[in-house]
Amino acid sequence: MAESLSIREARAHLADVVTKAEAGEITVITRKGERVGAVVPIEILDAIEEAADELAAREAEQHRADPTVSMAELLADLFASPPGAAGSAA
């Protein structure tokens, strides 16, 4: 189980917290008793980022054949008057 420290405790013992992370331990940081963050070994962060990249790549691949629009079409749609609008505000 991960050790929990308040922000104040973590600040006072930051070098120890980092040393523990290097040794593979996770330290949970709390504020007013609520978990708000964690200091984790860099391998865990790397694994999370790699998994997120893989997920994004899979989602992009699923939409590879979807129809696309040009930037001009996108801008025209964004700045077009909403349906039912009564003229311009000029």
C-alpha atoms as a PDB file:
ATOM      1  CA  MET A   1       0.000   0.000   0.000  1.00  0.00           C
ATOM      2  CA  ALA A   2       1.257   3.470  -0.884  1.00  0.00           C
ATOM      3  CA  GLU A   3       2.335   5.832   1.851  1.00  0.00           C
ATOM      4  CA  SER A   4       0.234   9.003   2.210  1.00  0.00           C
ATOM      5  CA  LEU A   5       1.663  12.371   3.153  1.00  0.00           C
ATOM      6  CA  SER A   6       0.098  15.783   3.490  1.00  0.00           C
ATOM      7  CA  ILE A   7       1.450  18.486   1.210  1.00  0.00           C
ATOM      8  CA  ARG A   8       3.274  19.962   4.176  1.00  0.00           C
ATOM      9  CA  GLU A   9       4.880  16.611   5.044  1.00  0.00           C
ATOM     10  CA  ALA A  10       5.797  15.952   1.421  1.00  0.00           C
ATOM     11  CA  ARG A  11       7.401  19.370   1.114  1.00  0.00           C
ATOM     12  CA  ALA A  12       9.408  18.831   4.299  1.00  0.00           C
ATOM     13  CA  HIS A  13      10.597  15.390   3.137  1.00  0.00           C
ATOM     14  CA  LEU A  14      10.763  15.861  -0.624  1.00  0.00           C
ATOM     15  CA  ALA A  15      14.207  14.315  -1.012  1.00  0.00           C
ATOM     16  CA  ASP A  16      13.028  11.182   0.818  1.00  0.00           C
ATOM     17  CA  VAL A  17       9.867  11.019  -1.295  1.00  0.00           C
ATOM     18  CA  VAL A  18      11.926  11.205  -4.487  1.00  0.00           C
ATOM     19  CA  THR A  19      14.356   8.568  -3.205  1.00  0.00           C
ATOM     20  CA  LYS A  20      11.399   6.259  -2.511  1.00  0.00           C
ATOM     21  CA  ALA A  21      10.081   6.870  -6.043  1.00  0.00           C
ATOM     22  CA  GLU A  22      13.491   5.911  -7.429  1.00  0.00           C
ATOM     23  CA  ALA A  23      13.233   2.698  -5.397  1.00  0.00           C
ATOM     24  CA  GLY A  24       9.836   1.914  -6.956  1.00  0.00           C
ATOM     25  CA  GLU A  25       7.533   3.192  -4.201  1.00  0.00           C
ATOM     26  CA  ILE A  26       4.484   5.403  -4.668  1.00  0.00           C
ATOM     27  CA  THR A  27       3.724   8.271  -2.288  1.00  0.00           C
ATOM     28  CA  VAL A  28       0.201   9.697  -2.275  1.00  0.00           C
ATOM     29  CA  ILE A  29      -0.096  13.414  -1.531  1.00  0.00           C
ATOM     30  CA  THR A  30      -3.136  14.638   0.403  1.00  0.00           C
ATOM     31  CA  ARG A  31      -4.729  18.016   1.055  1.00  0.00           C
ATOM     32  CA  LYS A  32      -7.154  18.250   3.955  1.00  0.00           C
ATOM     33  CA  GLY A  33      -7.238  14.449   4.045  1.00  0.00           C
ATOM     34  CA  GLU A  34      -8.210  14.082   0.374  1.00  0.00           C
ATOM     35  CA  ARG A  35      -5.915  12.392  -2.144  1.00  0.00           C
ATOM     36  CA  VAL A  36      -4.828  15.000  -4.694  1.00  0.00           C
ATOM     37  CA  GLY A  37      -1.703  13.614  -6.347  1.00  0.00           C
ATOM     38  CA  ALA A  38       1.117  11.148  -6.200  1.00  0.00           C
ATOM     39  CA  VAL A  39       4.846  10.886  -6.663  1.00  0.00           C
ATOM     40  CA  VAL A  40       5.434   7.743  -8.688  1.00  0.00           C
ATOM     41  CA  PRO A  41       8.430   5.983 -10.187  1.00  0.00           C
ATOM     42  CA  ILE A  42       9.175   7.377 -13.643  1.00  0.00           C
ATOM     43  CA  GLU A  43       8.557   3.937 -15.165  1.00  0.00           C
ATOM     44  CA  ILE A  44       4.915   4.184 -14.106  1.00  0.00           C
ATOM     45  CA  LEU A  45       4.516   7.606 -15.706  1.00  0.00           C
ATOM     46  CA  ASP A  46       6.219   6.350 -18.874  1.00  0.00           C
ATOM     47  CA  ALA A  47       3.842   3.366 -19.001  1.00  0.00           C
ATOM     48  CA  ILE A  48       0.788   5.606 -18.541  1.00  0.00           C
ATOM     49  CA  GLU A  49       1.943   7.965 -21.298  1.00  0.00           C
ATOM     50  CA  GLU A  50       2.697   5.055 -23.635  1.00  0.00           C
ATOM     51  CA  ALA A  51      -0.758   3.569 -22.997  1.00  0.00           C
ATOM     52  CA  ALA A  52      -2.412   6.937 -23.650  1.00  0.00           C
ATOM     53  CA  ASP A  53      -0.488   7.306 -26.929  1.00  0.00           C
ATOM     54  CA  GLU A  54      -1.489   3.784 -27.978  1.00  0.00           C
ATOM     55  CA  LEU A  55      -5.152   4.503 -27.200  1.00  0.00           C
ATOM     56  CA  ALA A  56      -5.061   7.753 -29.196  1.00  0.00           C
ATOM     57  CA  ALA A  57      -3.442   5.950 -32.136  1.00  0.00           C
ATOM     58  CA  ARG A  58      -6.102   3.213 -32.075  1.00  0.00           C
ATOM     59  CA  GLU A  59      -8.899   5.786 -31.981  1.00  0.00           C
ATOM     60  CA  ALA A  60      -7.328   7.728 -34.854  1.00  0.00           C
ATOM     61  CA  GLU A  61      -6.998   4.529 -36.895  1.00  0.00           C
ATOM     62  CA  GLN A  62     -10.699   3.776 -36.419  1.00  0.00           C
ATOM     63  CA  HIS A  63     -11.547   7.136 -38.013  1.00  0.00           C
ATOM     64  CA  ARG A  64      -8.976   7.055 -40.827  1.00  0.00           C
ATOM     65  CA  ALA A  65     -11.650   6.520 -43.514  1.00  0.00           C
ATOM     66  CA  ASP A  66     -14.077   9.126 -42.149  1.00  0.00           C
ATOM     67  CA  PRO A  67     -14.903  11.956 -44.535  1.00  0.00           C
ATOM     68  CA  THR A  68     -12.949  15.153 -43.957  1.00  0.00           C
ATOM     69  CA  VAL A  69     -13.600  18.824 -44.542  1.00  0.00           C
ATOM     70  CA  SER A  70     -11.207  21.545 -45.598  1.00  0.00           C
ATOM     71  CA  MET A  71     -10.163  24.333 -43.242  1.00  0.00           C
ATOM     72  CA  ALA A  72     -12.192  26.781 -45.355  1.00  0.00           C
ATOM     73  CA  GLU A  73     -15.332  24.652 -44.929  1.00  0.00           C
ATOM     74  CA  LEU A  74     -14.734  24.345 -41.201  1.00  0.00           C
ATOM     75  CA  LEU A  75     -14.304  28.105 -40.767  1.00  0.00           C
ATOM     76  CA  ALA A  76     -17.345  28.813 -42.925  1.00  0.00           C
ATOM     77  CA  ASP A  77     -19.439  26.515 -40.719  1.00  0.00           C
ATOM     78  CA  LEU A  78     -18.055  28.027 -37.507  1.00  0.00           C
ATOM     79  CA  PHE A  79     -18.750  31.612 -38.518  1.00  0.00           C
ATOM     80  CA  ALA A  80     -21.993  31.089 -40.415  1.00  0.00           C
ATOM     81  CA  SER A  81     -25.119  32.629 -38.948  1.00  0.00           C
ATOM     82  CA  PRO A  82     -27.121  30.139 -36.894  1.00  0.00           C
ATOM     83  CA  PRO A  83     -30.259  28.838 -38.596  1.00  0.00           C
ATOM     84  CA  GLY A  84     -33.125  31.237 -38.043  1.00  0.00           C
ATOM     85  CA  ALA A  85     -30.867  34.205 -37.177  1.00  0.00           C
ATOM     86  CA  ALA A  86     -32.295  37.581 -38.202  1.00  0.00           C
ATOM     87  CA  GLY A  87     -29.528  39.186 -40.294  1.00  0.00           C
ATOM     88  CA  SER A  88     -26.162  40.417 -39.132  1.00  0.00           C
ATOM     89  CA  ALA A  89     -25.390  42.663 -36.176  1.00  0.00           C
ATOM     90  CA  ALA A  90     -23.514  45.207 -38.338  1.00  0.00           C
END
